[in-house]
Amino acid sequence: MKFKFEKLVVWQQAMDFGEEVFNTSGSFPREEIFNLTSQIRRAADSIALNISEGAIGQSTPEFKKFLGYSIRSISEVVTCLHKAIRRKYITQARFDKLYEDCFNLMNMLVALRKKLI
C-alpha cells in the first residue's frame, strides 16, 4: 500500500527536482556551503516535503495550506537560482532548465490546489 502522496505526479517530480538541485549545488564554491548551497537545497526539498505533509491525514483546507508552502518554496528556489547565475556558479543553460522545472512544478501545484474542493 502506497501513501497517498506517493501517487501524486507533482510529488514525484518534486522529488526528482530536489535531487537535481542537490547535484547542481554540489559544484557551488565551498564558502557557500552554509549559505546559498544550504538554502537552495532546503528550499528545493521543502517542495516535496510540504506536499507529503499536507496530503497525510489532513483536511482539504490544511492540504491547500501546505501546497501554498510548496509554492513559496519554489519562489525561494528561483531566487537562489538567480543568485547562483549572478555569481556565475551555474551556466545559463542550467539556470534555464531548473527555472523551467520550477515553473512547471508551480503550475502543477496551483492546478492541484484549485482542483481540491
PDB file of N, CA and C in Angstrom:
ATOM      1  N   MET A   1       0.839  -1.190   0.000  1.00  0.00           N
ATOM      2  CA  MET A   1       0.000   0.000   0.000  1.00  0.00           C
ATOM      3  C   MET A   1       0.878   1.245   0.000  1.00  0.00           C
ATOM      4  N   LYS A   2       0.598   2.116  -0.913  1.00  0.00           N
ATOM      5  CA  LYS A   2       1.351   3.357  -1.002  1.00  0.00           C
ATOM      6  C   LYS A   2       0.686   4.447  -0.177  1.00  0.00           C
ATOM      7  N   PHE A   3       1.514   5.373   0.249  1.00  0.00           N
ATOM      8  CA  PHE A   3       0.967   6.573   0.844  1.00  0.00           C
ATOM      9  C   PHE A   3       0.297   7.379  -0.258  1.00  0.00           C
ATOM     10  N   LYS A   4      -0.721   8.107   0.096  1.00  0.00           N
ATOM     11  CA  LYS A   4      -1.491   8.897  -0.868  1.00  0.00           C
ATOM     12  C   LYS A   4      -0.592   9.829  -1.691  1.00  0.00           C
ATOM     13  N   PHE A   5       0.332  10.497  -1.036  1.00  0.00           N
ATOM     14  CA  PHE A   5       1.164  11.476  -1.737  1.00  0.00           C
ATOM     15  C   PHE A   5       2.106  10.839  -2.745  1.00  0.00           C
ATOM     16  N   GLU A   6       2.489   9.573  -2.536  1.00  0.00           N
ATOM     17  CA  GLU A   6       3.410   8.918  -3.462  1.00  0.00           C
ATOM     18  C   GLU A   6       2.796   8.710  -4.842  1.00  0.00           C
ATOM     19  N   LYS A   7       1.484   8.733  -4.904  1.00  0.00           N
ATOM     20  CA  LYS A   7       0.781   8.570  -6.177  1.00  0.00           C
ATOM     21  C   LYS A   7       0.683   9.883  -6.950  1.00  0.00           C
ATOM     22  N   LEU A   8       0.950  10.990  -6.285  1.00  0.00           N
ATOM     23  CA  LEU A   8       0.838  12.301  -6.925  1.00  0.00           C
ATOM     24  C   LEU A   8       2.036  12.557  -7.840  1.00  0.00           C
ATOM     25  N   VAL A   9       1.760  12.823  -9.101  1.00  0.00           N
ATOM     26  CA  VAL A   9       2.829  13.104 -10.070  1.00  0.00           C
ATOM     27  C   VAL A   9       3.626  14.332  -9.641  1.00  0.00           C
ATOM     28  N   VAL A  10       2.957  15.320  -9.089  1.00  0.00           N
ATOM     29  CA  VAL A  10       3.658  16.533  -8.665  1.00  0.00           C
ATOM     30  C   VAL A  10       4.651  16.216  -7.536  1.00  0.00           C
ATOM     31  N   TRP A  11       4.308  15.306  -6.642  1.00  0.00           N
ATOM     32  CA  TRP A  11       5.238  14.906  -5.580  1.00  0.00           C
ATOM     33  C   TRP A  11       6.435  14.176  -6.197  1.00  0.00           C
ATOM     34  N   GLN A  12       6.167  13.270  -7.140  1.00  0.00           N
ATOM     35  CA  GLN A  12       7.239  12.525  -7.796  1.00  0.00           C
ATOM     36  C   GLN A  12       8.206  13.476  -8.505  1.00  0.00           C
ATOM     37  N   GLN A  13       7.653  14.461  -9.205  1.00  0.00           N
ATOM     38  CA  GLN A  13       8.505  15.418  -9.910  1.00  0.00           C
ATOM     39  C   GLN A  13       9.256  16.332  -8.941  1.00  0.00           C
ATOM     40  N   ALA A  14       8.603  16.670  -7.836  1.00  0.00           N
ATOM     41  CA  ALA A  14       9.276  17.486  -6.822  1.00  0.00           C
ATOM     42  C   ALA A  14      10.443  16.722  -6.203  1.00  0.00           C
ATOM     43  N   MET A  15      10.264  15.418  -6.021  1.00  0.00           N
ATOM     44  CA  MET A  15      11.356  14.588  -5.505  1.00  0.00           C
ATOM     45  C   MET A  15      12.534  14.595  -6.476  1.00  0.00           C
ATOM     46  N   ASP A  16      12.261  14.412  -7.753  1.00  0.00           N
ATOM     47  CA  ASP A  16      13.318  14.441  -8.777  1.00  0.00           C
ATOM     48  C   ASP A  16      14.000  15.807  -8.814  1.00  0.00           C
ATOM     49  N   PHE A  17      13.193  16.852  -8.719  1.00  0.00           N
ATOM     50  CA  PHE A  17      13.726  18.211  -8.758  1.00  0.00           C
ATOM     51  C   PHE A  17      14.680  18.455  -7.588  1.00  0.00           C
ATOM     52  N   GLY A  18      14.311  17.989  -6.416  1.00  0.00           N
ATOM     53  CA  GLY A  18      15.178  18.146  -5.246  1.00  0.00           C
ATOM     54  C   GLY A  18      16.542  17.515  -5.471  1.00  0.00           C
ATOM     55  N   GLU A  19      16.555  16.364  -6.135  1.00  0.00           N
ATOM     56  CA  GLU A  19      17.837  15.699  -6.424  1.00  0.00           C
ATOM     57  C   GLU A  19      18.647  16.484  -7.450  1.00  0.00           C
ATOM     58  N   GLU A  20      17.968  17.059  -8.441  1.00  0.00           N
ATOM     59  CA  GLU A  20      18.669  17.874  -9.438  1.00  0.00           C
ATOM     60  C   GLU A  20      19.324  19.082  -8.786  1.00  0.00           C
ATOM     61  N   VAL A  21      18.585  19.744  -7.913  1.00  0.00           N
ATOM     62  CA  VAL A  21      19.125  20.914  -7.224  1.00  0.00           C
ATOM     63  C   VAL A  21      20.291  20.503  -6.322  1.00  0.00           C
ATOM     64  N   PHE A  22      20.137  19.392  -5.622  1.00  0.00           N
ATOM     65  CA  PHE A  22      21.220  18.900  -4.758  1.00  0.00           C
ATOM     66  C   PHE A  22      22.495  18.687  -5.575  1.00  0.00           C
ATOM     67  N   ASN A  23      22.367  18.004  -6.698  1.00  0.00           N
ATOM     68  CA  ASN A  23      23.535  17.723  -7.541  1.00  0.00           C
ATOM     69  C   ASN A  23      24.134  19.000  -8.126  1.00  0.00           C
ATOM     70  N   THR A  24      23.278  19.901  -8.573  1.00  0.00           N
ATOM     71  CA  THR A  24      23.756  21.154  -9.156  1.00  0.00           C
ATOM     72  C   THR A  24      24.489  21.996  -8.122  1.00  0.00           C
ATOM     73  N   SER A  25      23.925  22.095  -6.922  1.00  0.00           N
ATOM     74  CA  SER A  25      24.524  22.945  -5.894  1.00  0.00           C
ATOM     75  C   SER A  25      25.816  22.360  -5.328  1.00  0.00           C
ATOM     76  N   GLY A  26      26.077  21.107  -5.622  1.00  0.00           N
ATOM     77  CA  GLY A  26      27.320  20.487  -5.179  1.00  0.00           C
ATOM     78  C   GLY A  26      28.553  21.123  -5.790  1.00  0.00           C
ATOM     79  N   SER A  27      28.371  21.831  -6.889  1.00  0.00           N
ATOM     80  CA  SER A  27      29.512  22.487  -7.539  1.00  0.00           C
ATOM     81  C   SER A  27      29.681  23.943  -7.100  1.00  0.00           C
ATOM     82  N   PHE A  28      28.819  24.420  -6.206  1.00  0.00           N
ATOM     83  CA  PHE A  28      28.967  25.780  -5.695  1.00  0.00           C
ATOM     84  C   PHE A  28      30.260  25.860  -4.881  1.00  0.00           C
ATOM     85  N   PRO A  29      30.846  27.049  -4.790  1.00  0.00           N
ATOM     86  CA  PRO A  29      32.092  27.195  -4.018  1.00  0.00           C
ATOM     87  C   PRO A  29      31.921  26.801  -2.549  1.00  0.00           C
ATOM     88  N   ARG A  30      32.994  26.349  -1.971  1.00  0.00           N
ATOM     89  CA  ARG A  30      32.981  25.890  -0.574  1.00  0.00           C
ATOM     90  C   ARG A  30      32.487  26.967   0.396  1.00  0.00           C
ATOM     91  N   GLU A  31      32.806  28.212   0.106  1.00  0.00           N
ATOM     92  CA  GLU A  31      32.387  29.289   1.019  1.00  0.00           C
ATOM     93  C   GLU A  31      30.870  29.490   1.037  1.00  0.00           C
ATOM     94  N   GLU A  32      30.165  28.857   0.118  1.00  0.00           N
ATOM     95  CA  GLU A  32      28.698  28.951   0.068  1.00  0.00           C
ATOM     96  C   GLU A  32      28.006  27.797   0.794  1.00  0.00           C
ATOM     97  N   ILE A  33      28.765  26.857   1.351  1.00  0.00           N
ATOM     98  CA  ILE A  33      28.185  25.638   1.927  1.00  0.00           C
ATOM     99  C   ILE A  33      27.124  25.942   2.989  1.00  0.00           C
ATOM    100  N   PHE A  34      27.330  26.966   3.805  1.00  0.00           N
ATOM    101  CA  PHE A  34      26.365  27.291   4.849  1.00  0.00           C
ATOM    102  C   PHE A  34      25.423  28.420   4.439  1.00  0.00           C
ATOM    103  N   ASN A  35      25.568  28.899   3.226  1.00  0.00           N
ATOM    104  CA  ASN A  35      24.719  29.986   2.749  1.00  0.00           C
ATOM    105  C   ASN A  35      23.851  29.517   1.581  1.00  0.00           C
ATOM    106  N   LEU A  36      24.249  29.863   0.379  1.00  0.00           N
ATOM    107  CA  LEU A  36      23.408  29.587  -0.787  1.00  0.00           C
ATOM    108  C   LEU A  36      23.213  28.094  -1.032  1.00  0.00           C
ATOM    109  N   THR A  37      24.242  27.300  -0.854  1.00  0.00           N
ATOM    110  CA  THR A  37      24.114  25.853  -1.075  1.00  0.00           C
ATOM    111  C   THR A  37      23.069  25.260  -0.132  1.00  0.00           C
ATOM    112  N   SER A  38      23.185  25.569   1.128  1.00  0.00           N
ATOM    113  CA  SER A  38      22.232  25.064   2.116  1.00  0.00           C
ATOM    114  C   SER A  38      20.821  25.591   1.851  1.00  0.00           C
ATOM    115  N   GLN A  39      20.712  26.865   1.538  1.00  0.00           N
ATOM    116  CA  GLN A  39      19.402  27.491   1.333  1.00  0.00           C
ATOM    117  C   GLN A  39      18.659  26.887   0.146  1.00  0.00           C
ATOM    118  N   ILE A  40      19.343  26.732  -0.984  1.00  0.00           N
ATOM    119  CA  ILE A  40      18.667  26.210  -2.171  1.00  0.00           C
ATOM    120  C   ILE A  40      18.296  24.742  -1.990  1.00  0.00           C
ATOM    121  N   ARG A  41      19.130  23.990  -1.305  1.00  0.00           N
ATOM    122  CA  ARG A  41      18.817  22.578  -1.054  1.00  0.00           C
ATOM    123  C   ARG A  41      17.613  22.436  -0.134  1.00  0.00           C
ATOM    124  N   ARG A  42      17.582  23.220   0.931  1.00  0.00           N
ATOM    125  CA  ARG A  42      16.452  23.134   1.860  1.00  0.00           C
ATOM    126  C   ARG A  42      15.154  23.573   1.194  1.00  0.00           C
ATOM    127  N   ALA A  43      15.222  24.635   0.397  1.00  0.00           N
ATOM    128  CA  ALA A  43      14.022  25.120  -0.290  1.00  0.00           C
ATOM    129  C   ALA A  43      13.521  24.091  -1.304  1.00  0.00           C
ATOM    130  N   ALA A  44      14.437  23.504  -2.060  1.00  0.00           N
ATOM    131  CA  ALA A  44      14.039  22.508  -3.062  1.00  0.00           C
ATOM    132  C   ALA A  44      13.437  21.274  -2.397  1.00  0.00           C
ATOM    133  N   ASP A  45      14.031  20.823  -1.302  1.00  0.00           N
ATOM    134  CA  ASP A  45      13.496  19.663  -0.592  1.00  0.00           C
ATOM    135  C   ASP A  45      12.145  19.975   0.051  1.00  0.00           C
ATOM    136  N   SER A  46      11.946  21.216   0.452  1.00  0.00           N
ATOM    137  CA  SER A  46      10.686  21.605   1.089  1.00  0.00           C
ATOM    138  C   SER A  46       9.484  21.472   0.164  1.00  0.00           C
ATOM    139  N   ILE A  47       9.716  21.519  -1.122  1.00  0.00           N
ATOM    140  CA  ILE A  47       8.595  21.399  -2.071  1.00  0.00           C
ATOM    141  C   ILE A  47       7.913  20.048  -1.877  1.00  0.00           C
ATOM    142  N   ALA A  48       8.663  18.969  -1.999  1.00  0.00           N
ATOM    143  CA  ALA A  48       8.098  17.626  -1.832  1.00  0.00           C
ATOM    144  C   ALA A  48       7.681  17.366  -0.387  1.00  0.00           C
ATOM    145  N   LEU A  49       8.472  17.861   0.570  1.00  0.00           N
ATOM    146  CA  LEU A  49       8.156  17.636   1.976  1.00  0.00           C
ATOM    147  C   LEU A  49       6.800  18.227   2.350  1.00  0.00           C
ATOM    148  N   ASN A  50       6.507  19.415   1.870  1.00  0.00           N
ATOM    149  CA  ASN A  50       5.220  20.043   2.184  1.00  0.00           C
ATOM    150  C   ASN A  50       4.055  19.362   1.481  1.00  0.00           C
ATOM    151  N   ILE A  51       4.278  18.863   0.272  1.00  0.00           N
ATOM    152  CA  ILE A  51       3.220  18.112  -0.416  1.00  0.00           C
ATOM    153  C   ILE A  51       2.866  16.878   0.405  1.00  0.00           C
ATOM    154  N   SER A  52       3.867  16.143   0.831  1.00  0.00           N
ATOM    155  CA  SER A  52       3.610  14.909   1.579  1.00  0.00           C
ATOM    156  C   SER A  52       2.994  15.202   2.941  1.00  0.00           C
ATOM    157  N   GLU A  53       3.496  16.216   3.619  1.00  0.00           N
ATOM    158  CA  GLU A  53       2.947  16.540   4.939  1.00  0.00           C
ATOM    159  C   GLU A  53       1.486  16.960   4.849  1.00  0.00           C
ATOM    160  N   GLY A  54       1.162  17.727   3.834  1.00  0.00           N
ATOM    161  CA  GLY A  54      -0.219  18.177   3.670  1.00  0.00           C
ATOM    162  C   GLY A  54      -1.169  17.081   3.243  1.00  0.00           C
ATOM    163  N   ALA A  55      -0.664  16.105   2.521  1.00  0.00           N
ATOM    164  CA  ALA A  55      -1.523  15.045   1.976  1.00  0.00           C
ATOM    165  C   ALA A  55      -1.894  13.983   3.004  1.00  0.00           C
ATOM    166  N   ILE A  56      -1.107  13.853   4.048  1.00  0.00           N
ATOM    167  CA  ILE A  56      -1.337  12.783   5.024  1.00  0.00           C
ATOM    168  C   ILE A  56      -2.291  13.246   6.111  1.00  0.00           C
ATOM    169  N   GLY A  57      -3.473  12.642   6.122  1.00  0.00           N
ATOM    170  CA  GLY A  57      -4.413  12.819   7.211  1.00  0.00           C
ATOM    171  C   GLY A  57      -4.848  14.237   7.502  1.00  0.00           C
ATOM    172  N   GLN A  58      -4.731  15.093   6.549  1.00  0.00           N
ATOM    173  CA  GLN A  58      -5.116  16.485   6.757  1.00  0.00           C
ATOM    174  C   GLN A  58      -6.451  16.758   6.082  1.00  0.00           C
ATOM    175  N   SER A  59      -7.085  17.791   6.518  1.00  0.00           N
ATOM    176  CA  SER A  59      -8.306  18.244   5.861  1.00  0.00           C
ATOM    177  C   SER A  59      -7.922  18.914   4.539  1.00  0.00           C
ATOM    178  N   THR A  60      -8.897  19.128   3.697  1.00  0.00           N
ATOM    179  CA  THR A  60      -8.636  19.796   2.415  1.00  0.00           C
ATOM    180  C   THR A  60      -8.069  21.199   2.615  1.00  0.00           C
ATOM    181  N   PRO A  61      -8.641  22.008   3.519  1.00  0.00           N
ATOM    182  CA  PRO A  61      -8.033  23.331   3.729  1.00  0.00           C
ATOM    183  C   PRO A  61      -6.580  23.245   4.209  1.00  0.00           C
ATOM    184  N   GLU A  62      -6.297  22.241   5.047  1.00  0.00           N
ATOM    185  CA  GLU A  62      -4.936  22.066   5.535  1.00  0.00           C
ATOM    186  C   GLU A  62      -4.006  21.648   4.389  1.00  0.00           C
ATOM    187  N   PHE A  63      -4.471  20.762   3.521  1.00  0.00           N
ATOM    188  CA  PHE A  63      -3.681  20.336   2.371  1.00  0.00           C
ATOM    189  C   PHE A  63      -3.394  21.532   1.466  1.00  0.00           C
ATOM    190  N   LYS A  64      -4.413  22.363   1.229  1.00  0.00           N
ATOM    191  CA  LYS A  64      -4.219  23.556   0.404  1.00  0.00           C
ATOM    192  C   LYS A  64      -3.162  24.477   1.011  1.00  0.00           C
ATOM    193  N   LYS A  65      -3.174  24.594   2.333  1.00  0.00           N
ATOM    194  CA  LYS A  65      -2.197  25.437   3.016  1.00  0.00           C
ATOM    195  C   LYS A  65      -0.777  24.918   2.761  1.00  0.00           C
ATOM    196  N   PHE A  66      -0.598  23.610   2.863  1.00  0.00           N
ATOM    197  CA  PHE A  66       0.730  23.034   2.634  1.00  0.00           C
ATOM    198  C   PHE A  66       1.149  23.132   1.168  1.00  0.00           C
ATOM    199  N   LEU A  67       0.207  23.053   0.253  1.00  0.00           N
ATOM    200  CA  LEU A  67       0.542  23.261  -1.160  1.00  0.00           C
ATOM    201  C   LEU A  67       1.023  24.694  -1.362  1.00  0.00           C
ATOM    202  N   GLY A  68       0.426  25.615  -0.633  1.00  0.00           N
ATOM    203  CA  GLY A  68       0.886  27.003  -0.672  1.00  0.00           C
ATOM    204  C   GLY A  68       2.318  27.136  -0.169  1.00  0.00           C
ATOM    205  N   TYR A  69       2.662  26.387   0.865  1.00  0.00           N
ATOM    206  CA  TYR A  69       4.047  26.393   1.359  1.00  0.00           C
ATOM    207  C   TYR A  69       4.992  25.865   0.281  1.00  0.00           C
ATOM    208  N   SER A  70       4.560  24.840  -0.454  1.00  0.00           N
ATOM    209  CA  SER A  70       5.384  24.301  -1.540  1.00  0.00           C
ATOM    210  C   SER A  70       5.614  25.350  -2.617  1.00  0.00           C
ATOM    211  N   ILE A  71       4.571  26.088  -2.944  1.00  0.00           N
ATOM    212  CA  ILE A  71       4.685  27.145  -3.958  1.00  0.00           C
ATOM    213  C   ILE A  71       5.661  28.222  -3.485  1.00  0.00           C
ATOM    214  N   ARG A  72       5.592  28.572  -2.220  1.00  0.00           N
ATOM    215  CA  ARG A  72       6.530  29.566  -1.670  1.00  0.00           C
ATOM    216  C   ARG A  72       7.965  29.050  -1.721  1.00  0.00           C
ATOM    217  N   SER A  73       8.142  27.762  -1.485  1.00  0.00           N
ATOM    218  CA  SER A  73       9.481  27.180  -1.563  1.00  0.00           C
ATOM    219  C   SER A  73      10.022  27.263  -2.986  1.00  0.00           C
ATOM    220  N   ILE A  74       9.140  27.106  -3.956  1.00  0.00           N
ATOM    221  CA  ILE A  74       9.569  27.246  -5.357  1.00  0.00           C
ATOM    222  C   ILE A  74      10.087  28.656  -5.613  1.00  0.00           C
ATOM    223  N   SER A  75       9.391  29.667  -5.102  1.00  0.00           N
ATOM    224  CA  SER A  75       9.854  31.037  -5.319  1.00  0.00           C
ATOM    225  C   SER A  75      11.205  31.266  -4.650  1.00  0.00           C
ATOM    226  N   GLU A  76      11.430  30.605  -3.538  1.00  0.00           N
ATOM    227  CA  GLU A  76      12.723  30.693  -2.856  1.00  0.00           C
ATOM    228  C   GLU A  76      13.819  30.057  -3.711  1.00  0.00           C
ATOM    229  N   VAL A  77      13.521  28.905  -4.310  1.00  0.00           N
ATOM    230  CA  VAL A  77      14.492  28.251  -5.195  1.00  0.00           C
ATOM    231  C   VAL A  77      14.810  29.158  -6.378  1.00  0.00           C
ATOM    232  N   VAL A  78      13.789  29.764  -6.966  1.00  0.00           N
ATOM    233  CA  VAL A  78      14.002  30.648  -8.117  1.00  0.00           C
ATOM    234  C   VAL A  78      14.931  31.804  -7.741  1.00  0.00           C
ATOM    235  N   THR A  79      14.723  32.377  -6.580  1.00  0.00           N
ATOM    236  CA  THR A  79      15.592  33.468  -6.134  1.00  0.00           C
ATOM    237  C   THR A  79      17.020  32.976  -5.937  1.00  0.00           C
ATOM    238  N   CYS A  80      17.178  31.809  -5.368  1.00  0.00           N
ATOM    239  CA  CYS A  80      18.515  31.218  -5.216  1.00  0.00           C
ATOM    240  C   CYS A  80      19.165  30.955  -6.574  1.00  0.00           C
ATOM    241  N   LEU A  81      18.370  30.526  -7.537  1.00  0.00           N
ATOM    242  CA  LEU A  81      18.911  30.311  -8.886  1.00  0.00           C
ATOM    243  C   LEU A  81      19.415  31.622  -9.482  1.00  0.00           C
ATOM    244  N   HIS A  82      18.664  32.690  -9.261  1.00  0.00           N
ATOM    245  CA  HIS A  82      19.121  34.000  -9.739  1.00  0.00           C
ATOM    246  C   HIS A  82      20.435  34.398  -9.073  1.00  0.00           C
ATOM    247  N   LYS A  83      20.547  34.134  -7.773  1.00  0.00           N
ATOM    248  CA  LYS A  83      21.810  34.416  -7.073  1.00  0.00           C
ATOM    249  C   LYS A  83      22.944  33.583  -7.664  1.00  0.00           C
ATOM    250  N   ALA A  84      22.654  32.304  -7.927  1.00  0.00           N
ATOM    251  CA  ALA A  84      23.682  31.398  -8.447  1.00  0.00           C
ATOM    252  C   ALA A  84      24.178  31.832  -9.818  1.00  0.00           C
ATOM    253  N   ILE A  85      23.285  32.262 -10.676  1.00  0.00           N
ATOM    254  CA  ILE A  85      23.738  32.661 -12.017  1.00  0.00           C
ATOM    255  C   ILE A  85      24.463  34.007 -11.964  1.00  0.00           C
ATOM    256  N   ARG A  86      24.005  34.906 -11.113  1.00  0.00           N
ATOM    257  CA  ARG A  86      24.696  36.194 -10.972  1.00  0.00           C
ATOM    258  C   ARG A  86      26.119  36.007 -10.443  1.00  0.00           C
ATOM    259  N   ARG A  87      26.295  34.997  -9.604  1.00  0.00           N
ATOM    260  CA  ARG A  87      27.616  34.721  -9.039  1.00  0.00           C
ATOM    261  C   ARG A  87      28.424  33.769  -9.920  1.00  0.00           C
ATOM    262  N   LYS A  88      27.819  33.411 -11.054  1.00  0.00           N
ATOM    263  CA  LYS A  88      28.475  32.551 -12.046  1.00  0.00           C
ATOM    264  C   LYS A  88      28.777  31.150 -11.503  1.00  0.00           C
ATOM    265  N   TYR A  89      27.876  30.623 -10.670  1.00  0.00           N
ATOM    266  CA  TYR A  89      28.015  29.262 -10.144  1.00  0.00           C
ATOM    267  C   TYR A  89      27.372  28.244 -11.067  1.00  0.00           C
ATOM    268  N   ILE A  90      26.453  28.696 -11.918  1.00  0.00           N
ATOM    269  CA  ILE A  90      25.776  27.806 -12.867  1.00  0.00           C
ATOM    270  C   ILE A  90      25.756  28.470 -14.239  1.00  0.00           C
ATOM    271  N   THR A  91      25.597  27.649 -15.254  1.00  0.00           N
ATOM    272  CA  THR A  91      25.514  28.162 -16.622  1.00  0.00           C
ATOM    273  C   THR A  91      24.095  28.659 -16.904  1.00  0.00           C
ATOM    274  N   GLN A  92      23.974  29.411 -17.960  1.00  0.00           N
ATOM    275  CA  GLN A  92      22.652  29.887 -18.378  1.00  0.00           C
ATOM    276  C   GLN A  92      21.749  28.710 -18.731  1.00  0.00           C
ATOM    277  N   ALA A  93      22.315  27.706 -19.384  1.00  0.00           N
ATOM    278  CA  ALA A  93      21.525  26.526 -19.765  1.00  0.00           C
ATOM    279  C   ALA A  93      20.995  25.799 -18.523  1.00  0.00           C
ATOM    280  N   ARG A  94      21.825  25.678 -17.497  1.00  0.00           N
ATOM    281  CA  ARG A  94      21.394  25.006 -16.259  1.00  0.00           C
ATOM    282  C   ARG A  94      20.335  25.834 -15.548  1.00  0.00           C
ATOM    283  N   PHE A  95      20.542  27.141 -15.510  1.00  0.00           N
ATOM    284  CA  PHE A  95      19.548  28.045 -14.932  1.00  0.00           C
ATOM    285  C   PHE A  95      18.212  27.871 -15.642  1.00  0.00           C
ATOM    286  N   ASP A  96      18.247  27.914 -16.980  1.00  0.00           N
ATOM    287  CA  ASP A  96      17.016  27.811 -17.768  1.00  0.00           C
ATOM    288  C   ASP A  96      16.274  26.503 -17.494  1.00  0.00           C
ATOM    289  N   LYS A  97      17.008  25.411 -17.399  1.00  0.00           N
ATOM    290  CA  LYS A  97      16.393  24.102 -17.145  1.00  0.00           C
ATOM    291  C   LYS A  97      15.719  24.065 -15.774  1.00  0.00           C
ATOM    292  N   LEU A  98      16.445  24.479 -14.746  1.00  0.00           N
ATOM    293  CA  LEU A  98      15.890  24.450 -13.392  1.00  0.00           C
ATOM    294  C   LEU A  98      14.750  25.458 -13.232  1.00  0.00           C
ATOM    295  N   TYR A  99      14.882  26.607 -13.885  1.00  0.00           N
ATOM    296  CA  TYR A  99      13.825  27.620 -13.852  1.00  0.00           C
ATOM    297  C   TYR A  99      12.549  27.065 -14.483  1.00  0.00           C
ATOM    298  N   GLU A 100      12.689  26.397 -15.615  1.00  0.00           N
ATOM    299  CA  GLU A 100      11.532  25.790 -16.279  1.00  0.00           C
ATOM    300  C   GLU A 100      10.907  24.708 -15.394  1.00  0.00           C
ATOM    301  N   ASP A 101      11.732  23.909 -14.746  1.00  0.00           N
ATOM    302  CA  ASP A 101      11.216  22.908 -13.816  1.00  0.00           C
ATOM    303  C   ASP A 101      10.413  23.565 -12.697  1.00  0.00           C
ATOM    304  N   CYS A 102      10.921  24.660 -12.159  1.00  0.00           N
ATOM    305  CA  CYS A 102      10.203  25.398 -11.111  1.00  0.00           C
ATOM    306  C   CYS A 102       8.853  25.891 -11.618  1.00  0.00           C
ATOM    307  N   PHE A 103       8.862  26.445 -12.808  1.00  0.00           N
ATOM    308  CA  PHE A 103       7.625  26.981 -13.388  1.00  0.00           C
ATOM    309  C   PHE A 103       6.594  25.870 -13.573  1.00  0.00           C
ATOM    310  N   ASN A 104       7.040  24.728 -14.074  1.00  0.00           N
ATOM    311  CA  ASN A 104       6.131  23.597 -14.278  1.00  0.00           C
ATOM    312  C   ASN A 104       5.599  23.056 -12.957  1.00  0.00           C
ATOM    313  N   LEU A 105       6.456  22.931 -11.955  1.00  0.00           N
ATOM    314  CA  LEU A 105       6.012  22.477 -10.636  1.00  0.00           C
ATOM    315  C   LEU A 105       4.992  23.444 -10.045  1.00  0.00           C
ATOM    316  N   MET A 106       5.260  24.736 -10.171  1.00  0.00           N
ATOM    317  CA  MET A 106       4.334  25.730  -9.649  1.00  0.00           C
ATOM    318  C   MET A 106       2.967  25.601 -10.309  1.00  0.00           C
ATOM    319  N   ASN A 107       2.961  25.458 -11.622  1.00  0.00           N
ATOM    320  CA  ASN A 107       1.685  25.322 -12.335  1.00  0.00           C
ATOM    321  C   ASN A 107       0.936  24.064 -11.915  1.00  0.00           C
ATOM    322  N   MET A 108       1.653  22.984 -11.705  1.00  0.00           N
ATOM    323  CA  MET A 108       1.018  21.745 -11.247  1.00  0.00           C
ATOM    324  C   MET A 108       0.419  21.916  -9.852  1.00  0.00           C
ATOM    325  N   LEU A 109       1.151  22.574  -8.971  1.00  0.00           N
ATOM    326  CA  LEU A 109       0.669  22.784  -7.613  1.00  0.00           C
ATOM    327  C   LEU A 109      -0.545  23.712  -7.580  1.00  0.00           C
ATOM    328  N   VAL A 110      -0.505  24.766  -8.382  1.00  0.00           N
ATOM    329  CA  VAL A 110      -1.649  25.686  -8.453  1.00  0.00           C
ATOM    330  C   VAL A 110      -2.880  24.949  -8.976  1.00  0.00           C
ATOM    331  N   ALA A 111      -2.690  24.131  -9.999  1.00  0.00           N
ATOM    332  CA  ALA A 111      -3.813  23.362 -10.559  1.00  0.00           C
ATOM    333  C   ALA A 111      -4.367  22.372  -9.532  1.00  0.00           C
ATOM    334  N   LEU A 112      -3.494  21.691  -8.814  1.00  0.00           N
ATOM    335  CA  LEU A 112      -3.950  20.756  -7.792  1.00  0.00           C
ATOM    336  C   LEU A 112      -4.709  21.475  -6.694  1.00  0.00           C
ATOM    337  N   ARG A 113      -4.195  22.588  -6.272  1.00  0.00           N
ATOM    338  CA  ARG A 113      -4.852  23.368  -5.206  1.00  0.00           C
ATOM    339  C   ARG A 113      -6.235  23.840  -5.646  1.00  0.00           C
ATOM    340  N   LYS A 114      -6.360  24.255  -6.898  1.00  0.00           N
ATOM    341  CA  LYS A 114      -7.665  24.703  -7.425  1.00  0.00           C
ATOM    342  C   LYS A 114      -8.642  23.539  -7.545  1.00  0.00           C
ATOM    343  N   LYS A 115      -8.109  22.347  -7.835  1.00  0.00           N
ATOM    344  CA  LYS A 115      -8.949  21.158  -8.024  1.00  0.00           C
ATOM    345  C   LYS A 115      -9.559  20.673  -6.712  1.00  0.00           C
ATOM    346  N   LEU A 116      -8.862  20.918  -5.615  1.00  0.00           N
ATOM    347  CA  LEU A 116      -9.353  20.465  -4.310  1.00  0.00           C
ATOM    348  C   LEU A 116     -10.611  21.251  -3.925  1.00  0.00           C
ATOM    349  N   ILE A 117     -11.564  20.524  -3.418  1.00  0.00           N
ATOM    350  CA  ILE A 117     -12.852  21.170  -3.064  1.00  0.00           C
ATOM    351  C   ILE A 117     -12.748  21.861  -1.731  1.00  0.00           C
TER     352      ILE A 117
END
